């Protein structure tokens, strides 16, 4: 008797499932949940900024985004016009996206466009985001300042020190250009851990 009841239950579930598929396919529509996504841009630098992040304008300014995408949850993707200069500068025009001090962003995480993520070495780290386009490639680059040249960001995957404040300074004490590999090519930033890849954007 128990075996018969199990068989009948299986037949009912199967019939219900087939009926649902039939109803969906009869109108040639099969619902698929879309992943949160904000498109890339060939002429704007973009970055996903979590709602818990507060950008500051001290030293380098904080320009307004040219466009904003709010498709992803818990934050927004901002799109910025390129800075005119190719390295950090504190003279007008101030062209930075804004700055964040690790002491005010206690679980800071930055993920790059390749999907790798990084956390600061300590609370003395201060970062500034810069939008820059060159040779048809636009991106958001991370300037690092700290009390020590060896301070910066470590990889969340390997735990190794990957980006440092000192590496961004040339022998003549000028900042290296944004396209130098000493800058993180950022896709997301959050003060509450690393942002899920489904909300990652896009400059490329």
Protein backbone atom coordinates (compact mmCIF):
# COMPACT_ATOMS: atom_id res chain seq x y z
CA UNK A 1 0.00 0.00 0.00
CA UNK A 2 2.87 2.35 0.86
CA UNK A 3 4.52 1.66 -2.49
CA UNK A 4 1.27 2.46 -4.33
CA UNK A 5 0.93 5.79 -2.48
CA UNK A 6 4.51 6.75 -3.41
CA UNK A 7 3.87 5.94 -7.07
CA UNK A 8 0.67 8.01 -7.09
CA UNK A 9 2.47 10.94 -5.45
CA UNK A 10 5.25 10.79 -8.06
CA UNK A 11 2.69 10.77 -10.89
CA UNK A 12 0.90 13.80 -9.42
CA UNK A 13 4.12 15.80 -9.07
CA UNK A 14 5.23 14.88 -12.59
CA UNK A 15 1.86 15.81 -14.08
CA UNK A 16 1.88 19.17 -12.26
CA UNK A 17 5.41 19.90 -13.47
CA UNK A 18 4.55 19.05 -17.07
CA UNK A 19 1.45 21.23 -16.88
CA UNK A 20 3.56 24.19 -15.72
CA UNK A 21 6.06 23.67 -18.56
CA UNK A 22 3.21 23.35 -21.03
CA UNK A 23 1.63 26.60 -19.84
CA UNK A 24 4.98 28.39 -20.04
CA UNK A 25 5.91 27.07 -23.47
CA UNK A 26 2.45 27.55 -24.95
CA UNK A 27 3.19 31.29 -25.07
CA UNK A 28 6.85 30.64 -25.96
CA UNK A 29 7.93 32.29 -22.69
CA UNK A 30 10.02 30.47 -20.12
CA UNK A 31 10.77 32.84 -17.22
CA UNK A 32 14.46 33.14 -16.33
CA UNK A 33 15.67 35.20 -13.39
CA UNK A 34 18.01 37.86 -14.73
CA UNK A 35 21.23 38.53 -12.83
CA UNK A 36 21.83 42.11 -11.70
CA UNK A 37 23.94 43.82 -14.32
CA UNK A 38 25.10 47.26 -15.36
CA UNK A 39 26.56 47.65 -18.84
CA UNK A 40 30.13 48.60 -19.66
CA UNK A 41 31.10 51.82 -21.35
CA UNK A 42 33.74 52.54 -23.95
CA UNK A 43 34.00 56.24 -23.13
CA UNK A 44 33.33 56.38 -19.37
CA UNK A 45 35.15 54.97 -16.36
CA UNK A 46 32.82 52.99 -14.11
CA UNK A 47 32.78 51.49 -10.63
CA UNK A 48 30.15 49.82 -8.45
CA UNK A 49 29.94 51.66 -5.13
CA UNK A 50 28.14 49.92 -2.27
CA UNK A 51 25.59 51.91 -0.26
CA UNK A 52 27.84 51.68 2.81
CA UNK A 53 30.64 53.70 1.14
CA UNK A 54 31.00 57.43 1.76
CA UNK A 55 33.37 59.15 -0.67
CA UNK A 56 35.26 62.21 0.61
CA UNK A 57 36.47 65.19 -1.44
CA UNK A 58 39.49 66.19 0.68
CA UNK A 59 42.72 66.83 -1.27
CA UNK A 60 41.67 65.52 -4.68
CA UNK A 61 37.98 66.43 -5.03
CA UNK A 62 34.92 64.28 -5.72
CA UNK A 63 33.39 64.78 -9.15
CA UNK A 64 29.77 63.91 -9.87
CA UNK A 65 29.08 60.89 -12.07
CA UNK A 66 28.02 61.47 -15.67
CA UNK A 67 25.57 58.55 -15.40
CA UNK A 68 24.36 56.09 -12.77
CA UNK A 69 22.96 52.54 -13.00
CA UNK A 70 20.86 51.26 -10.07
CA UNK A 71 20.13 47.75 -11.37
CA UNK A 72 22.38 45.97 -8.87
CA UNK A 73 21.19 45.67 -5.25
CA UNK A 74 22.89 47.35 -2.29
CA UNK A 75 24.63 50.03 -4.33
CA UNK A 76 25.00 51.65 -7.72
CA UNK A 77 27.34 51.74 -10.66
CA UNK A 78 28.61 55.23 -11.40
CA UNK A 79 30.06 56.28 -14.75
CA UNK A 80 32.59 59.12 -14.91
CA UNK A 81 34.20 61.23 -17.59
CA UNK A 82 37.94 60.74 -17.88
CA UNK A 83 40.34 62.93 -15.94
CA UNK A 84 42.38 65.18 -18.21
CA UNK A 85 45.67 64.34 -16.49
CA UNK A 86 47.05 60.81 -16.41
CA UNK A 87 48.36 60.83 -12.82
CA UNK A 88 47.11 61.92 -9.37
CA UNK A 89 47.10 65.68 -8.84
CA UNK A 90 45.89 68.05 -6.15
CA UNK A 91 45.76 71.17 -8.34
CA UNK A 92 42.65 72.40 -10.18
CA UNK A 93 40.80 70.98 -11.86
CA UNK A 94 40.28 68.39 -9.14
CA UNK A 95 39.18 65.29 -11.05
CA UNK A 96 39.06 62.40 -8.58
CA UNK A 97 35.95 60.31 -7.96
CA UNK A 98 36.56 60.60 -4.22
CA UNK A 99 38.62 59.20 -1.36
CA UNK A 100 38.09 56.68 1.46
CA UNK A 101 40.10 56.21 4.64
CA UNK A 102 40.34 52.63 5.88
CA UNK A 103 39.78 53.84 9.44
CA UNK A 104 36.29 54.99 8.36
CA UNK A 105 35.66 51.88 6.21
CA UNK A 106 36.58 49.11 8.59
CA UNK A 107 35.86 46.14 6.31
CA UNK A 108 37.03 47.70 3.06
CA UNK A 109 37.33 45.49 0.01
CA UNK A 110 38.14 46.44 -3.57
CA UNK A 111 37.62 43.98 -6.43
CA UNK A 112 39.21 44.48 -9.83
CA UNK A 113 37.81 43.83 -13.29
CA UNK A 114 39.38 40.35 -13.37
CA UNK A 115 37.43 39.33 -10.25
CA UNK A 116 40.35 39.45 -7.82
CA UNK A 117 39.74 41.24 -4.52
CA UNK A 118 41.95 43.10 -2.08
CA UNK A 119 41.84 44.44 1.49
CA UNK A 120 44.02 47.14 3.11
CA UNK A 121 47.03 46.29 5.26
CA UNK A 122 45.89 48.61 8.05
CA UNK A 123 43.81 51.59 9.09
CA UNK A 124 46.51 54.04 7.94
CA UNK A 125 45.63 53.34 4.29
CA UNK A 126 43.75 56.03 2.37
CA UNK A 127 42.63 55.51 -1.20
CA UNK A 128 41.49 57.80 -4.00
CA UNK A 129 39.63 56.65 -7.10
CA UNK A 130 40.56 58.23 -10.44
CA UNK A 131 38.63 57.89 -13.72
CA UNK A 132 40.86 57.73 -16.76
CA UNK A 133 40.55 56.73 -20.42
CA UNK A 134 43.47 56.03 -22.76
CA UNK A 135 43.70 54.32 -26.16
CA UNK A 136 40.03 53.35 -26.10
CA UNK A 137 40.22 51.81 -22.61
CA UNK A 138 38.47 53.45 -19.66
CA UNK A 139 38.90 52.47 -16.05
CA UNK A 140 38.80 53.46 -12.40
CA UNK A 141 42.26 53.42 -10.81
CA UNK A 142 43.12 53.29 -7.11
CA UNK A 143 45.74 55.65 -5.69
CA UNK A 144 47.15 54.47 -2.34
CA UNK A 145 48.47 56.66 0.46
CA UNK A 146 49.72 55.41 3.83
CA UNK A 147 52.19 56.05 6.62
CA UNK A 148 54.61 53.58 5.08
CA UNK A 149 55.64 52.93 1.47
CA UNK A 150 55.16 49.22 2.12
CA UNK A 151 51.52 49.61 3.18
CA UNK A 152 48.75 48.98 0.71
CA UNK A 153 46.50 46.07 -0.25
CA UNK A 154 46.75 42.31 0.10
CA UNK A 155 45.03 39.70 -2.03
CA UNK A 156 42.03 37.97 -0.42
CA UNK A 157 42.98 34.85 -2.39
CA UNK A 158 46.68 34.46 -1.56
CA UNK A 159 47.09 36.83 1.40
CA UNK A 160 50.17 38.29 -0.25
CA UNK A 161 50.95 42.01 -0.45
CA UNK A 162 50.05 43.02 -3.99
CA UNK A 163 49.73 46.82 -4.24
CA UNK A 164 51.71 49.36 -2.17
CA UNK A 165 51.81 53.12 -1.77
CA UNK A 166 55.51 53.26 -2.55
CA UNK A 167 55.17 51.41 -5.85
CA UNK A 168 53.02 54.23 -7.25
CA UNK A 169 55.77 56.84 -6.85
CA UNK A 170 58.45 57.26 -9.53
CA UNK A 171 62.17 57.80 -8.72
CA UNK A 172 61.69 61.55 -9.26
CA UNK A 173 58.94 61.46 -6.56
CA UNK A 174 56.15 62.16 -9.06
CA UNK A 175 53.22 59.79 -9.17
CA UNK A 176 53.34 57.14 -11.87
CA UNK A 177 50.58 57.31 -14.53
CA UNK A 178 47.29 55.54 -13.84
CA UNK A 179 47.99 52.91 -16.50
CA UNK A 180 51.01 51.67 -14.52
CA UNK A 181 50.38 48.18 -13.03
CA UNK A 182 50.94 49.56 -9.52
CA UNK A 183 47.32 50.80 -9.52
CA UNK A 184 44.34 48.54 -8.85
CA UNK A 185 42.01 48.58 -11.86
CA UNK A 186 38.85 48.70 -9.76
CA UNK A 187 35.38 47.34 -10.49
CA UNK A 188 33.76 47.47 -7.04
CA UNK A 189 34.26 48.90 -3.58
CA UNK A 190 32.49 48.16 -0.31
CA UNK A 191 33.02 48.84 3.38
CA UNK A 192 31.32 45.58 4.37
CA UNK A 193 33.35 42.94 2.58
CA UNK A 194 33.80 42.03 -1.07
CA UNK A 195 30.93 42.60 -3.50
CA UNK A 196 29.43 39.58 -5.23
CA UNK A 197 30.57 39.08 -8.81
CA UNK A 198 27.00 39.36 -10.12
CA UNK A 199 27.09 43.07 -9.30
CA UNK A 200 30.51 43.69 -10.75
CA UNK A 201 30.78 46.24 -13.57
CA UNK A 202 32.77 46.94 -16.33
CA UNK A 203 35.04 49.46 -17.76
CA UNK A 204 37.12 47.77 -20.38
